[in-house]
Amino acid sequence: MNGLSDVRLSLHSQELAAGQERAAGATSVHNAPSGLGLWGLYWHRLRTRKALLELTAEQLRDIGLSREQARQEGLKPFWRL
């Protein structure tokens, strides 16, 4: 490849990374299945946070979380984002 192609690939990868960060911030608020009411959303958060506390170290590594990050998220009350 020539130098211009390398620069384009580098810029494109930076744009993708920035887009993923923005999307991650937006989806963290709306990560529940669609069509849930308020209580369904609360129930979903409660179950997924409890499941997060039960993951093994290997499973946490697979999803890119440390034990402390999982503990912080898992101990949040269901009504908090």
PDB file of N, CA and C in Angstrom:
ATOM      1  N   MET A   1       0.826  -1.192   0.000  1.00  0.00           N
ATOM      2  CA  MET A   1       0.000   0.000   0.000  1.00  0.00           C
ATOM      3  C   MET A   1       0.861   1.243   0.000  1.00  0.00           C
ATOM      4  N   ASN A   2       0.334   2.277  -0.560  1.00  0.00           N
ATOM      5  CA  ASN A   2       1.059   3.543  -0.516  1.00  0.00           C
ATOM      6  C   ASN A   2       0.730   4.286   0.777  1.00  0.00           C
ATOM      7  N   GLY A   3       1.437   5.357   1.031  1.00  0.00           N
ATOM      8  CA  GLY A   3       1.258   6.099   2.273  1.00  0.00           C
ATOM      9  C   GLY A   3      -0.135   6.662   2.449  1.00  0.00           C
ATOM     10  N   LEU A   4      -0.775   7.083   1.372  1.00  0.00           N
ATOM     11  CA  LEU A   4      -2.109   7.655   1.459  1.00  0.00           C
ATOM     12  C   LEU A   4      -3.113   6.616   1.951  1.00  0.00           C
ATOM     13  N   SER A   5      -3.006   5.407   1.458  1.00  0.00           N
ATOM     14  CA  SER A   5      -3.913   4.351   1.890  1.00  0.00           C
ATOM     15  C   SER A   5      -3.739   4.069   3.367  1.00  0.00           C
ATOM     16  N   ASP A   6      -2.497   4.074   3.836  1.00  0.00           N
ATOM     17  CA  ASP A   6      -2.235   3.841   5.251  1.00  0.00           C
ATOM     18  C   ASP A   6      -2.874   4.923   6.107  1.00  0.00           C
ATOM     19  N   VAL A   7      -2.790   6.167   5.668  1.00  0.00           N
ATOM     20  CA  VAL A   7      -3.388   7.279   6.410  1.00  0.00           C
ATOM     21  C   VAL A   7      -4.903   7.126   6.437  1.00  0.00           C
ATOM     22  N   ARG A   8      -5.494   6.770   5.314  1.00  0.00           N
ATOM     23  CA  ARG A   8      -6.951   6.578   5.271  1.00  0.00           C
ATOM     24  C   ARG A   8      -7.381   5.474   6.222  1.00  0.00           C
ATOM     25  N   LEU A   9      -6.651   4.364   6.226  1.00  0.00           N
ATOM     26  CA  LEU A   9      -6.990   3.262   7.124  1.00  0.00           C
ATOM     27  C   LEU A   9      -6.863   3.682   8.584  1.00  0.00           C
ATOM     28  N   SER A  10      -5.841   4.440   8.885  1.00  0.00           N
ATOM     29  CA  SER A  10      -5.640   4.914  10.249  1.00  0.00           C
ATOM     30  C   SER A  10      -6.779   5.838  10.670  1.00  0.00           C
ATOM     31  N   LEU A  11      -7.127   6.778   9.813  1.00  0.00           N
ATOM     32  CA  LEU A  11      -8.219   7.706  10.123  1.00  0.00           C
ATOM     33  C   LEU A  11      -9.544   6.969  10.234  1.00  0.00           C
ATOM     34  N   HIS A  12      -9.770   6.019   9.342  1.00  0.00           N
ATOM     35  CA  HIS A  12     -11.017   5.261   9.379  1.00  0.00           C
ATOM     36  C   HIS A  12     -11.116   4.455  10.675  1.00  0.00           C
ATOM     37  N   SER A  13     -10.026   3.851  11.109  1.00  0.00           N
ATOM     38  CA  SER A  13     -10.063   3.080  12.350  1.00  0.00           C
ATOM     39  C   SER A  13     -10.323   3.990  13.545  1.00  0.00           C
ATOM     40  N   GLN A  14      -9.780   5.218  13.519  1.00  0.00           N
ATOM     41  CA  GLN A  14     -10.042   6.166  14.598  1.00  0.00           C
ATOM     42  C   GLN A  14     -11.507   6.586  14.605  1.00  0.00           C
ATOM     43  N   GLU A  15     -12.090   6.788  13.429  1.00  0.00           N
ATOM     44  CA  GLU A  15     -13.501   7.145  13.343  1.00  0.00           C
ATOM     45  C   GLU A  15     -14.374   6.006  13.857  1.00  0.00           C
ATOM     46  N   LEU A  16     -14.019   4.782  13.509  1.00  0.00           N
ATOM     47  CA  LEU A  16     -14.778   3.631  13.991  1.00  0.00           C
ATOM     48  C   LEU A  16     -14.711   3.518  15.508  1.00  0.00           C
ATOM     49  N   ALA A  17     -13.521   3.712  16.059  1.00  0.00           N
ATOM     50  CA  ALA A  17     -13.365   3.631  17.513  1.00  0.00           C
ATOM     51  C   ALA A  17     -14.190   4.720  18.199  1.00  0.00           C
ATOM     52  N   ALA A  18     -14.167   5.932  17.671  1.00  0.00           N
ATOM     53  CA  ALA A  18     -14.946   7.023  18.258  1.00  0.00           C
ATOM     54  C   ALA A  18     -16.440   6.732  18.146  1.00  0.00           C
ATOM     55  N   GLY A  19     -16.863   6.176  17.032  1.00  0.00           N
ATOM     56  CA  GLY A  19     -18.266   5.819  16.851  1.00  0.00           C
ATOM     57  C   GLY A  19     -18.701   4.736  17.814  1.00  0.00           C
ATOM     58  N   GLN A  20     -17.830   3.775  18.075  1.00  0.00           N
ATOM     59  CA  GLN A  20     -18.164   2.714  19.018  1.00  0.00           C
ATOM     60  C   GLN A  20     -18.281   3.262  20.440  1.00  0.00           C
ATOM     61  N   GLU A  21     -17.425   4.199  20.792  1.00  0.00           N
ATOM     62  CA  GLU A  21     -17.509   4.812  22.120  1.00  0.00           C
ATOM     63  C   GLU A  21     -18.821   5.572  22.277  1.00  0.00           C
ATOM     64  N   ARG A  22     -19.201   6.320  21.245  1.00  0.00           N
ATOM     65  CA  ARG A  22     -20.475   7.048  21.310  1.00  0.00           C
ATOM     66  C   ARG A  22     -21.639   6.081  21.389  1.00  0.00           C
ATOM     67  N   ALA A  23     -21.593   5.019  20.593  1.00  0.00           N
ATOM     68  CA  ALA A  23     -22.669   4.030  20.593  1.00  0.00           C
ATOM     69  C   ALA A  23     -22.744   3.308  21.932  1.00  0.00           C
ATOM     70  N   ALA A  24     -21.605   3.021  22.528  1.00  0.00           N
ATOM     71  CA  ALA A  24     -21.603   2.342  23.828  1.00  0.00           C
ATOM     72  C   ALA A  24     -22.268   3.222  24.879  1.00  0.00           C
ATOM     73  N   GLY A  25     -22.013   4.516  24.824  1.00  0.00           N
ATOM     74  CA  GLY A  25     -22.652   5.423  25.770  1.00  0.00           C
ATOM     75  C   GLY A  25     -24.152   5.483  25.564  1.00  0.00           C
ATOM     76  N   ALA A  26     -24.589   5.459  24.327  1.00  0.00           N
ATOM     77  CA  ALA A  26     -26.023   5.519  24.034  1.00  0.00           C
ATOM     78  C   ALA A  26     -26.712   4.208  24.368  1.00  0.00           C
ATOM     79  N   THR A  27     -26.063   3.076  24.113  1.00  0.00           N
ATOM     80  CA  THR A  27     -26.715   1.798  24.360  1.00  0.00           C
ATOM     81  C   THR A  27     -26.713   1.428  25.829  1.00  0.00           C
ATOM     82  N   SER A  28     -25.822   2.018  26.625  1.00  0.00           N
ATOM     83  CA  SER A  28     -25.829   1.681  28.042  1.00  0.00           C
ATOM     84  C   SER A  28     -27.131   2.134  28.692  1.00  0.00           C
ATOM     85  N   VAL A  29     -27.762   3.157  28.139  1.00  0.00           N
ATOM     86  CA  VAL A  29     -29.032   3.624  28.657  1.00  0.00           C
ATOM     87  C   VAL A  29     -30.169   2.745  28.153  1.00  0.00           C
ATOM     88  N   HIS A  30     -30.052   2.244  26.941  1.00  0.00           N
ATOM     89  CA  HIS A  30     -31.136   1.492  26.312  1.00  0.00           C
ATOM     90  C   HIS A  30     -30.691   0.076  25.962  1.00  0.00           C
ATOM     91  N   ASN A  31     -30.125  -0.649  26.902  1.00  0.00           N
ATOM     92  CA  ASN A  31     -29.617  -1.965  26.588  1.00  0.00           C
ATOM     93  C   ASN A  31     -30.624  -3.083  26.816  1.00  0.00           C
ATOM     94  N   ALA A  32     -31.808  -2.752  27.246  1.00  0.00           N
ATOM     95  CA  ALA A  32     -32.833  -3.760  27.494  1.00  0.00           C
ATOM     96  C   ALA A  32     -33.570  -4.085  26.195  1.00  0.00           C
ATOM     97  N   PRO A  33     -34.182  -5.254  26.134  1.00  0.00           N
ATOM     98  CA  PRO A  33     -34.983  -5.579  24.951  1.00  0.00           C
ATOM     99  C   PRO A  33     -36.089  -4.550  24.746  1.00  0.00           C
ATOM    100  N   SER A  34     -36.429  -4.315  23.500  1.00  0.00           N
ATOM    101  CA  SER A  34     -37.472  -3.324  23.218  1.00  0.00           C
ATOM    102  C   SER A  34     -38.833  -3.854  23.644  1.00  0.00           C
ATOM    103  N   GLY A  35     -39.740  -2.972  23.910  1.00  0.00           N
ATOM    104  CA  GLY A  35     -41.102  -3.339  24.256  1.00  0.00           C
ATOM    105  C   GLY A  35     -41.338  -3.555  25.739  1.00  0.00           C
ATOM    106  N   LEU A  36     -40.328  -3.328  26.556  1.00  0.00           N
ATOM    107  CA  LEU A  36     -40.509  -3.494  27.988  1.00  0.00           C
ATOM    108  C   LEU A  36     -41.088  -2.227  28.586  1.00  0.00           C
ATOM    109  N   GLY A  37     -41.972  -2.401  29.526  1.00  0.00           N
ATOM    110  CA  GLY A  37     -42.454  -1.270  30.292  1.00  0.00           C
ATOM    111  C   GLY A  37     -41.449  -0.935  31.371  1.00  0.00           C
ATOM    112  N   LEU A  38     -41.803  -0.018  32.229  1.00  0.00           N
ATOM    113  CA  LEU A  38     -40.887   0.407  33.283  1.00  0.00           C
ATOM    114  C   LEU A  38     -40.530  -0.749  34.210  1.00  0.00           C
ATOM    115  N   TRP A  39     -41.527  -1.526  34.647  1.00  0.00           N
ATOM    116  CA  TRP A  39     -41.249  -2.639  35.545  1.00  0.00           C
ATOM    117  C   TRP A  39     -40.472  -3.739  34.834  1.00  0.00           C
ATOM    118  N   GLY A  40     -40.737  -3.954  33.571  1.00  0.00           N
ATOM    119  CA  GLY A  40     -39.971  -4.928  32.798  1.00  0.00           C
ATOM    120  C   GLY A  40     -38.513  -4.517  32.686  1.00  0.00           C
ATOM    121  N   LEU A  41     -38.281  -3.225  32.490  1.00  0.00           N
ATOM    122  CA  LEU A  41     -36.927  -2.699  32.433  1.00  0.00           C
ATOM    123  C   LEU A  41     -36.220  -2.895  33.767  1.00  0.00           C
ATOM    124  N   TYR A  42     -36.906  -2.608  34.861  1.00  0.00           N
ATOM    125  CA  TYR A  42     -36.331  -2.808  36.188  1.00  0.00           C
ATOM    126  C   TYR A  42     -35.992  -4.281  36.421  1.00  0.00           C
ATOM    127  N   TRP A  43     -36.903  -5.167  36.042  1.00  0.00           N
ATOM    128  CA  TRP A  43     -36.685  -6.597  36.213  1.00  0.00           C
ATOM    129  C   TRP A  43     -35.472  -7.061  35.387  1.00  0.00           C
ATOM    130  N   HIS A  44     -35.374  -6.563  34.169  1.00  0.00           N
ATOM    131  CA  HIS A  44     -34.244  -6.908  33.302  1.00  0.00           C
ATOM    132  C   HIS A  44     -32.924  -6.471  33.935  1.00  0.00           C
ATOM    133  N   ARG A  45     -32.879  -5.242  34.449  1.00  0.00           N
ATOM    134  CA  ARG A  45     -31.668  -4.743  35.091  1.00  0.00           C
ATOM    135  C   ARG A  45     -31.312  -5.576  36.314  1.00  0.00           C
ATOM    136  N   LEU A  46     -32.304  -5.918  37.113  1.00  0.00           N
ATOM    137  CA  LEU A  46     -32.066  -6.696  38.318  1.00  0.00           C
ATOM    138  C   LEU A  46     -31.458  -8.054  37.973  1.00  0.00           C
ATOM    139  N   ARG A  47     -32.054  -8.751  37.008  1.00  0.00           N
ATOM    140  CA  ARG A  47     -31.564 -10.080  36.636  1.00  0.00           C
ATOM    141  C   ARG A  47     -30.175 -10.025  36.015  1.00  0.00           C
ATOM    142  N   THR A  48     -29.941  -9.073  35.110  1.00  0.00           N
ATOM    143  CA  THR A  48     -28.638  -9.028  34.441  1.00  0.00           C
ATOM    144  C   THR A  48     -27.539  -8.587  35.394  1.00  0.00           C
ATOM    145  N   ARG A  49     -27.847  -7.710  36.328  1.00  0.00           N
ATOM    146  CA  ARG A  49     -26.832  -7.294  37.300  1.00  0.00           C
ATOM    147  C   ARG A  49     -26.499  -8.419  38.265  1.00  0.00           C
ATOM    148  N   LYS A  50     -27.491  -9.192  38.659  1.00  0.00           N
ATOM    149  CA  LYS A  50     -27.220 -10.347  39.523  1.00  0.00           C
ATOM    150  C   LYS A  50     -26.403 -11.385  38.763  1.00  0.00           C
ATOM    151  N   ALA A  51     -26.694 -11.584  37.492  1.00  0.00           N
ATOM    152  CA  ALA A  51     -25.933 -12.541  36.686  1.00  0.00           C
ATOM    153  C   ALA A  51     -24.489 -12.087  36.530  1.00  0.00           C
ATOM    154  N   LEU A  52     -24.276 -10.793  36.437  1.00  0.00           N
ATOM    155  CA  LEU A  52     -22.928 -10.249  36.311  1.00  0.00           C
ATOM    156  C   LEU A  52     -22.081 -10.582  37.535  1.00  0.00           C
ATOM    157  N   LEU A  53     -22.699 -10.578  38.706  1.00  0.00           N
ATOM    158  CA  LEU A  53     -21.982 -10.905  39.934  1.00  0.00           C
ATOM    159  C   LEU A  53     -21.572 -12.370  39.996  1.00  0.00           C
ATOM    160  N   GLU A  54     -22.242 -13.219  39.237  1.00  0.00           N
ATOM    161  CA  GLU A  54     -21.967 -14.658  39.279  1.00  0.00           C
ATOM    162  C   GLU A  54     -20.986 -15.124  38.202  1.00  0.00           C
ATOM    163  N   LEU A  55     -20.506 -14.226  37.354  1.00  0.00           N
ATOM    164  CA  LEU A  55     -19.582 -14.621  36.294  1.00  0.00           C
ATOM    165  C   LEU A  55     -18.219 -15.002  36.868  1.00  0.00           C
ATOM    166  N   THR A  56     -17.588 -15.950  36.215  1.00  0.00           N
ATOM    167  CA  THR A  56     -16.238 -16.354  36.615  1.00  0.00           C
ATOM    168  C   THR A  56     -15.223 -15.353  36.074  1.00  0.00           C
ATOM    169  N   ALA A  57     -13.996 -15.469  36.548  1.00  0.00           N
ATOM    170  CA  ALA A  57     -12.918 -14.578  36.089  1.00  0.00           C
ATOM    171  C   ALA A  57     -12.708 -14.734  34.587  1.00  0.00           C
ATOM    172  N   GLU A  58     -12.795 -15.947  34.089  1.00  0.00           N
ATOM    173  CA  GLU A  58     -12.625 -16.185  32.642  1.00  0.00           C
ATOM    174  C   GLU A  58     -13.750 -15.528  31.841  1.00  0.00           C
ATOM    175  N   GLN A  59     -14.977 -15.643  32.328  1.00  0.00           N
ATOM    176  CA  GLN A  59     -16.102 -15.021  31.629  1.00  0.00           C
ATOM    177  C   GLN A  59     -15.990 -13.500  31.651  1.00  0.00           C
ATOM    178  N   LEU A  60     -15.536 -12.949  32.756  1.00  0.00           N
ATOM    179  CA  LEU A  60     -15.343 -11.497  32.829  1.00  0.00           C
ATOM    180  C   LEU A  60     -14.261 -11.040  31.861  1.00  0.00           C
ATOM    181  N   ARG A  61     -13.200 -11.817  31.742  1.00  0.00           N
ATOM    182  CA  ARG A  61     -12.145 -11.496  30.772  1.00  0.00           C
ATOM    183  C   ARG A  61     -12.713 -11.500  29.355  1.00  0.00           C
ATOM    184  N   ASP A  62     -13.599 -12.460  29.063  1.00  0.00           N
ATOM    185  CA  ASP A  62     -14.199 -12.538  27.727  1.00  0.00           C
ATOM    186  C   ASP A  62     -14.988 -11.281  27.378  1.00  0.00           C
ATOM    187  N   ILE A  63     -15.652 -10.690  28.349  1.00  0.00           N
ATOM    188  CA  ILE A  63     -16.454  -9.498  28.060  1.00  0.00           C
ATOM    189  C   ILE A  63     -15.696  -8.203  28.353  1.00  0.00           C
ATOM    190  N   GLY A  64     -14.449  -8.342  28.806  1.00  0.00           N
ATOM    191  CA  GLY A  64     -13.598  -7.165  28.977  1.00  0.00           C
ATOM    192  C   GLY A  64     -13.842  -6.371  30.240  1.00  0.00           C
ATOM    193  N   LEU A  65     -14.285  -7.038  31.302  1.00  0.00           N
ATOM    194  CA  LEU A  65     -14.510  -6.352  32.569  1.00  0.00           C
ATOM    195  C   LEU A  65     -13.607  -6.927  33.644  1.00  0.00           C
ATOM    196  N   SER A  66     -13.216  -6.079  34.570  1.00  0.00           N
ATOM    197  CA  SER A  66     -12.480  -6.559  35.736  1.00  0.00           C
ATOM    198  C   SER A  66     -13.503  -6.992  36.784  1.00  0.00           C
ATOM    199  N   ARG A  67     -13.032  -7.693  37.792  1.00  0.00           N
ATOM    200  CA  ARG A  67     -13.927  -8.127  38.877  1.00  0.00           C
ATOM    201  C   ARG A  67     -14.524  -6.906  39.567  1.00  0.00           C
ATOM    202  N   GLU A  68     -13.720  -5.867  39.761  1.00  0.00           N
ATOM    203  CA  GLU A  68     -14.201  -4.656  40.428  1.00  0.00           C
ATOM    204  C   GLU A  68     -15.266  -3.938  39.602  1.00  0.00           C
ATOM    205  N   GLN A  69     -15.066  -3.835  38.295  1.00  0.00           N
ATOM    206  CA  GLN A  69     -16.071  -3.206  37.429  1.00  0.00           C
ATOM    207  C   GLN A  69     -17.380  -3.992  37.477  1.00  0.00           C
ATOM    208  N   ALA A  70     -17.289  -5.311  37.437  1.00  0.00           N
ATOM    209  CA  ALA A  70     -18.486  -6.150  37.496  1.00  0.00           C
ATOM    210  C   ALA A  70     -19.190  -5.986  38.839  1.00  0.00           C
ATOM    211  N   ARG A  71     -18.409  -5.910  39.902  1.00  0.00           N
ATOM    212  CA  ARG A  71     -18.993  -5.741  41.235  1.00  0.00           C
ATOM    213  C   ARG A  71     -19.706  -4.400  41.361  1.00  0.00           C
ATOM    214  N   GLN A  72     -19.074  -3.334  40.845  1.00  0.00           N
ATOM    215  CA  GLN A  72     -19.700  -2.010  40.907  1.00  0.00           C
ATOM    216  C   GLN A  72     -21.019  -1.991  40.148  1.00  0.00           C
ATOM    217  N   GLU A  73     -21.034  -2.563  38.960  1.00  0.00           N
ATOM    218  CA  GLU A  73     -22.267  -2.584  38.162  1.00  0.00           C
ATOM    219  C   GLU A  73     -23.304  -3.511  38.784  1.00  0.00           C
ATOM    220  N   GLY A  74     -22.851  -4.648  39.256  1.00  0.00           N
ATOM    221  CA  GLY A  74     -23.776  -5.636  39.811  1.00  0.00           C
ATOM    222  C   GLY A  74     -24.442  -5.198  41.094  1.00  0.00           C
ATOM    223  N   LEU A  75     -23.805  -4.333  41.851  1.00  0.00           N
ATOM    224  CA  LEU A  75     -24.370  -3.879  43.126  1.00  0.00           C
ATOM    225  C   LEU A  75     -25.221  -2.618  42.995  1.00  0.00           C
ATOM    226  N   LYS A  76     -25.320  -2.074  41.791  1.00  0.00           N
ATOM    227  CA  LYS A  76     -26.175  -0.902  41.601  1.00  0.00           C
ATOM    228  C   LYS A  76     -27.634  -1.303  41.813  1.00  0.00           C
ATOM    229  N   PRO A  77     -28.423  -0.399  42.386  1.00  0.00           N
ATOM    230  CA  PRO A  77     -29.863  -0.671  42.497  1.00  0.00           C
ATOM    231  C   PRO A  77     -30.488  -0.730  41.087  1.00  0.00           C
ATOM    232  N   PHE A  78     -31.549  -1.490  40.950  1.00  0.00           N
ATOM    233  CA  PHE A  78     -32.164  -1.689  39.633  1.00  0.00           C
ATOM    234  C   PHE A  78     -32.721  -0.412  39.023  1.00  0.00           C
ATOM    235  N   TRP A  79     -33.016   0.569  39.830  1.00  0.00           N
ATOM    236  CA  TRP A  79     -33.605   1.800  39.294  1.00  0.00           C
ATOM    237  C   TRP A  79     -32.552   2.781  38.774  1.00  0.00           C
ATOM    238  N   ARG A  80     -31.273   2.516  39.053  1.00  0.00           N
ATOM    239  CA  ARG A  80     -30.207   3.402  38.580  1.00  0.00           C
ATOM    240  C   ARG A  80     -29.641   2.926  37.262  1.00  0.00           C
ATOM    241  N   LEU A  81     -29.252   3.868  36.414  1.00  0.00           N
ATOM    242  CA  LEU A  81     -28.595   3.514  35.153  1.00  0.00           C
ATOM    243  C   LEU A  81     -27.152   3.204  35.371  1.00  0.00           C
TER     244      LEU A  81
END
